[in-house]
Amino acid sequence: MKLFQETVPSTIYLESDGVLPHAARGQSSSASALKSRWFNQQSWGNSGQSGQIQETCRDLTHTGYSISSISHILETSRIQGLDQYGGDLGTRLRFALGFHTQFEDGVKPPSWLCQNKGLTRELSSVTEIGFNALNFRLGIPMPKTEQYTKQIRPQGTNSLFYGWETLTHAENNA
């Protein structure tokens, strides 16, 4: 759990992190190393940048895998008695969901994002668990994520590691 708690801040950027994202454990924190690790993202600290994920400039499918994995671990942790949705990890997940679902809902990515090259692939069915926990259970407004999540319901599966999460999580208080 400690490794997970250390890794998420190096995966999801918040503007409060400063002009550079956190470096991953054992990785260089130099600007050039971070730019390379973040698929050539050139700047951080832009208004509205909170929630960008390390793989955003790679493609939204792999970005979705990060969102899904983080959601699964947070949900399992909560079920086992350690609810982390109210802290930094939940905040990072909330911003990541809102940041990426806005583009799936048709908002044009800003020019500073991925050197204005555009976003590729799709986020897919990865929002249900985090949205349910943060919006439905905790009551945090998430209009961008709500619109996207409801639009693609029922969420299906990628036949790899997530699937049918509308069935297991949508509007579930348990």
Protein backbone atom coordinates (compact mmCIF):
# COMPACT_ATOMS: atom_id res chain seq x y z
CA MET A 1 0.00 0.00 0.00
CA LYS A 2 2.87 2.34 0.78
CA LEU A 3 4.29 1.89 -2.73
CA PHE A 4 0.86 2.63 -4.24
CA GLN A 5 0.49 5.76 -2.08
CA GLU A 6 3.92 6.94 -3.28
CA THR A 7 3.24 6.11 -6.93
CA VAL A 8 -0.10 7.85 -7.53
CA PRO A 9 1.32 11.37 -7.01
CA SER A 10 3.92 10.63 -9.69
CA THR A 11 1.17 9.41 -12.04
CA ILE A 12 -1.47 12.15 -11.65
CA TYR A 13 -0.39 15.78 -11.72
CA LEU A 14 -2.06 18.50 -9.64
CA GLU A 15 -1.27 22.18 -10.14
CA SER A 16 -0.40 22.30 -6.43
CA ASP A 17 2.57 20.00 -7.25
CA GLY A 18 4.30 23.01 -8.83
CA VAL A 19 6.03 23.45 -12.16
CA LEU A 20 6.96 19.77 -12.44
CA PRO A 21 5.13 16.57 -11.51
CA HIS A 22 6.47 14.32 -8.79
CA ALA A 23 9.14 11.94 -9.98
CA ALA A 24 8.41 8.23 -9.74
CA ARG A 25 10.23 6.31 -7.05
CA GLY A 26 13.82 5.72 -8.12
CA GLN A 27 13.49 7.94 -11.21
CA SER A 28 15.17 11.24 -12.00
CA SER A 29 13.28 14.41 -11.13
CA SER A 30 15.03 16.48 -13.82
CA ALA A 31 12.77 18.33 -16.23
CA SER A 32 14.14 16.40 -19.21
CA ALA A 33 13.55 13.03 -17.54
CA LEU A 34 10.01 13.99 -16.56
CA LYS A 35 9.22 15.27 -20.04
CA SER A 36 10.37 11.96 -21.48
CA ARG A 37 8.45 9.92 -18.90
CA TRP A 38 5.32 12.01 -19.56
CA PHE A 39 5.47 11.33 -23.33
CA ASN A 40 7.01 14.69 -24.20
CA GLN A 41 4.62 16.93 -22.26
CA GLN A 42 6.58 20.20 -22.14
CA SER A 43 5.02 22.19 -19.31
CA TRP A 44 3.09 21.85 -16.09
CA GLY A 45 1.36 24.39 -13.89
CA ASN A 46 -1.03 25.50 -16.60
CA SER A 47 -4.48 26.59 -15.49
CA GLY A 48 -6.80 23.61 -15.67
CA GLN A 49 -3.97 21.07 -15.87
CA SER A 50 -4.76 19.32 -12.59
CA GLY A 51 -5.59 15.73 -13.37
CA GLN A 52 -3.29 15.12 -16.32
CA ILE A 53 -1.91 11.61 -16.14
CA GLN A 54 1.57 10.52 -17.06
CA GLU A 55 0.18 8.65 -20.10
CA THR A 56 -2.25 11.30 -21.36
CA CYS A 57 0.03 12.19 -24.26
CA ARG A 58 0.58 8.51 -25.05
CA ASP A 59 -3.13 7.79 -25.55
CA LEU A 60 -6.38 7.84 -23.62
CA THR A 61 -6.67 4.06 -23.53
CA HIS A 62 -3.54 3.67 -21.40
CA THR A 63 -4.60 6.72 -19.39
CA GLY A 64 -7.85 4.88 -18.70
CA TYR A 65 -5.92 1.85 -17.50
CA SER A 66 -4.24 4.07 -14.89
CA ILE A 67 -7.60 5.50 -13.79
CA SER A 68 -9.09 2.01 -13.59
CA SER A 69 -6.17 0.55 -11.66
CA ILE A 70 -6.12 3.41 -9.16
CA SER A 71 -9.89 3.12 -8.71
CA HIS A 72 -9.67 -0.64 -8.12
CA ILE A 73 -6.99 -0.26 -5.47
CA LEU A 74 -8.79 2.60 -3.71
CA GLU A 75 -12.03 0.62 -3.71
CA THR A 76 -10.39 -2.56 -2.41
CA SER A 77 -8.61 -0.53 0.27
CA ARG A 78 -11.95 1.03 1.31
CA ILE A 79 -13.65 -2.37 1.52
CA GLN A 80 -10.77 -3.60 3.69
CA GLY A 81 -11.14 -0.66 6.10
CA LEU A 82 -8.78 2.03 4.80
CA ASP A 83 -10.86 4.63 2.93
CA GLN A 84 -8.45 6.86 0.99
CA TYR A 85 -10.99 8.61 -1.23
CA GLY A 86 -11.11 11.64 1.10
CA GLY A 87 -7.37 12.33 0.95
CA ASP A 88 -4.77 13.20 -1.66
CA LEU A 89 -5.27 10.01 -3.69
CA GLY A 90 -9.01 10.58 -3.99
CA THR A 91 -8.39 14.20 -4.97
CA ARG A 92 -5.96 13.13 -7.68
CA LEU A 93 -8.44 10.55 -8.98
CA ARG A 94 -11.26 13.12 -9.01
CA PHE A 95 -9.19 15.60 -11.00
CA ALA A 96 -7.97 12.88 -13.38
CA LEU A 97 -11.54 11.81 -14.09
CA GLY A 98 -12.72 15.37 -14.69
CA PHE A 99 -9.70 16.34 -16.77
CA HIS A 100 -10.00 13.42 -19.19
CA THR A 101 -13.78 13.01 -19.43
CA GLN A 102 -14.13 16.61 -20.60
CA PHE A 103 -12.22 15.73 -23.78
CA GLU A 104 -14.36 12.65 -24.32
CA ASP A 105 -17.38 14.95 -23.95
CA GLY A 106 -16.09 17.12 -26.82
CA VAL A 107 -14.01 19.86 -25.17
CA LYS A 108 -11.04 20.77 -27.37
CA PRO A 109 -7.73 20.05 -25.62
CA PRO A 110 -5.73 23.21 -24.79
CA SER A 111 -2.67 23.97 -26.91
CA TRP A 112 -0.22 23.33 -24.05
CA LEU A 113 -1.43 19.73 -23.75
CA CYS A 114 0.74 17.21 -25.64
CA GLN A 115 2.27 20.02 -27.70
CA ASN A 116 -1.12 20.58 -29.35
CA LYS A 117 -0.85 17.23 -31.17
CA GLY A 118 -4.28 16.09 -30.04
CA LEU A 119 -5.34 13.10 -27.99
CA THR A 120 -5.62 9.63 -29.44
CA ARG A 121 -7.80 6.59 -28.77
CA GLU A 122 -10.55 6.64 -26.14
CA LEU A 123 -10.88 6.54 -22.37
CA SER A 124 -13.56 3.81 -22.45
CA SER A 125 -15.33 2.17 -19.51
CA VAL A 126 -13.10 3.22 -16.61
CA THR A 127 -15.06 5.89 -14.76
CA GLU A 128 -17.78 4.01 -12.87
CA ILE A 129 -15.89 3.02 -9.69
CA GLY A 130 -14.24 6.40 -9.03
CA PHE A 131 -17.37 8.32 -10.01
CA ASN A 132 -19.55 6.21 -7.72
CA ALA A 133 -17.20 6.61 -4.76
CA LEU A 134 -16.54 10.32 -5.13
CA ASN A 135 -19.87 11.58 -6.47
CA PHE A 136 -22.52 9.16 -5.27
CA ARG A 137 -21.10 8.10 -1.90
CA LEU A 138 -19.19 11.26 -0.95
CA GLY A 139 -21.45 13.78 -2.73
CA ILE A 140 -18.68 15.59 -4.60
CA PRO A 141 -20.03 17.29 -7.74
CA MET A 142 -18.34 15.91 -10.86
CA PRO A 143 -20.38 17.24 -13.79
CA LYS A 144 -17.91 16.34 -16.57
CA THR A 145 -17.41 12.82 -15.28
CA GLU A 146 -21.11 12.39 -14.60
CA GLN A 147 -22.04 13.34 -18.16
CA TYR A 148 -19.49 10.96 -19.65
CA THR A 149 -20.26 8.09 -17.27
CA LYS A 150 -24.01 8.24 -17.82
CA GLN A 151 -23.53 8.62 -21.57
CA ILE A 152 -21.57 5.37 -21.92
CA ARG A 153 -23.65 3.28 -19.50
CA PRO A 154 -23.87 0.42 -19.20
CA GLN A 155 -20.10 0.22 -19.08
CA GLY A 156 -18.75 -2.95 -20.64
CA THR A 157 -15.41 -4.70 -20.47
CA ASN A 158 -12.06 -4.51 -22.20
CA SER A 159 -11.63 -8.29 -21.74
CA LEU A 160 -8.41 -7.61 -19.84
CA PHE A 161 -8.98 -6.41 -16.29
CA TYR A 162 -12.06 -4.23 -15.98
CA GLY A 163 -15.60 -5.00 -16.78
CA TRP A 164 -19.27 -4.56 -16.07
CA GLU A 165 -18.63 -1.93 -13.41
CA THR A 166 -22.01 -0.27 -13.96
CA LEU A 167 -23.51 -3.51 -12.65
CA THR A 168 -21.27 -3.61 -9.59
CA HIS A 169 -20.87 0.07 -8.73
CA ALA A 170 -23.41 2.47 -10.26
CA GLU A 171 -25.24 4.30 -7.46
CA ASN A 172 -24.03 1.71 -4.96
CA ASN A 173 -23.73 2.98 -1.37
CA ALA A 174 -22.19 -0.23 -0.06
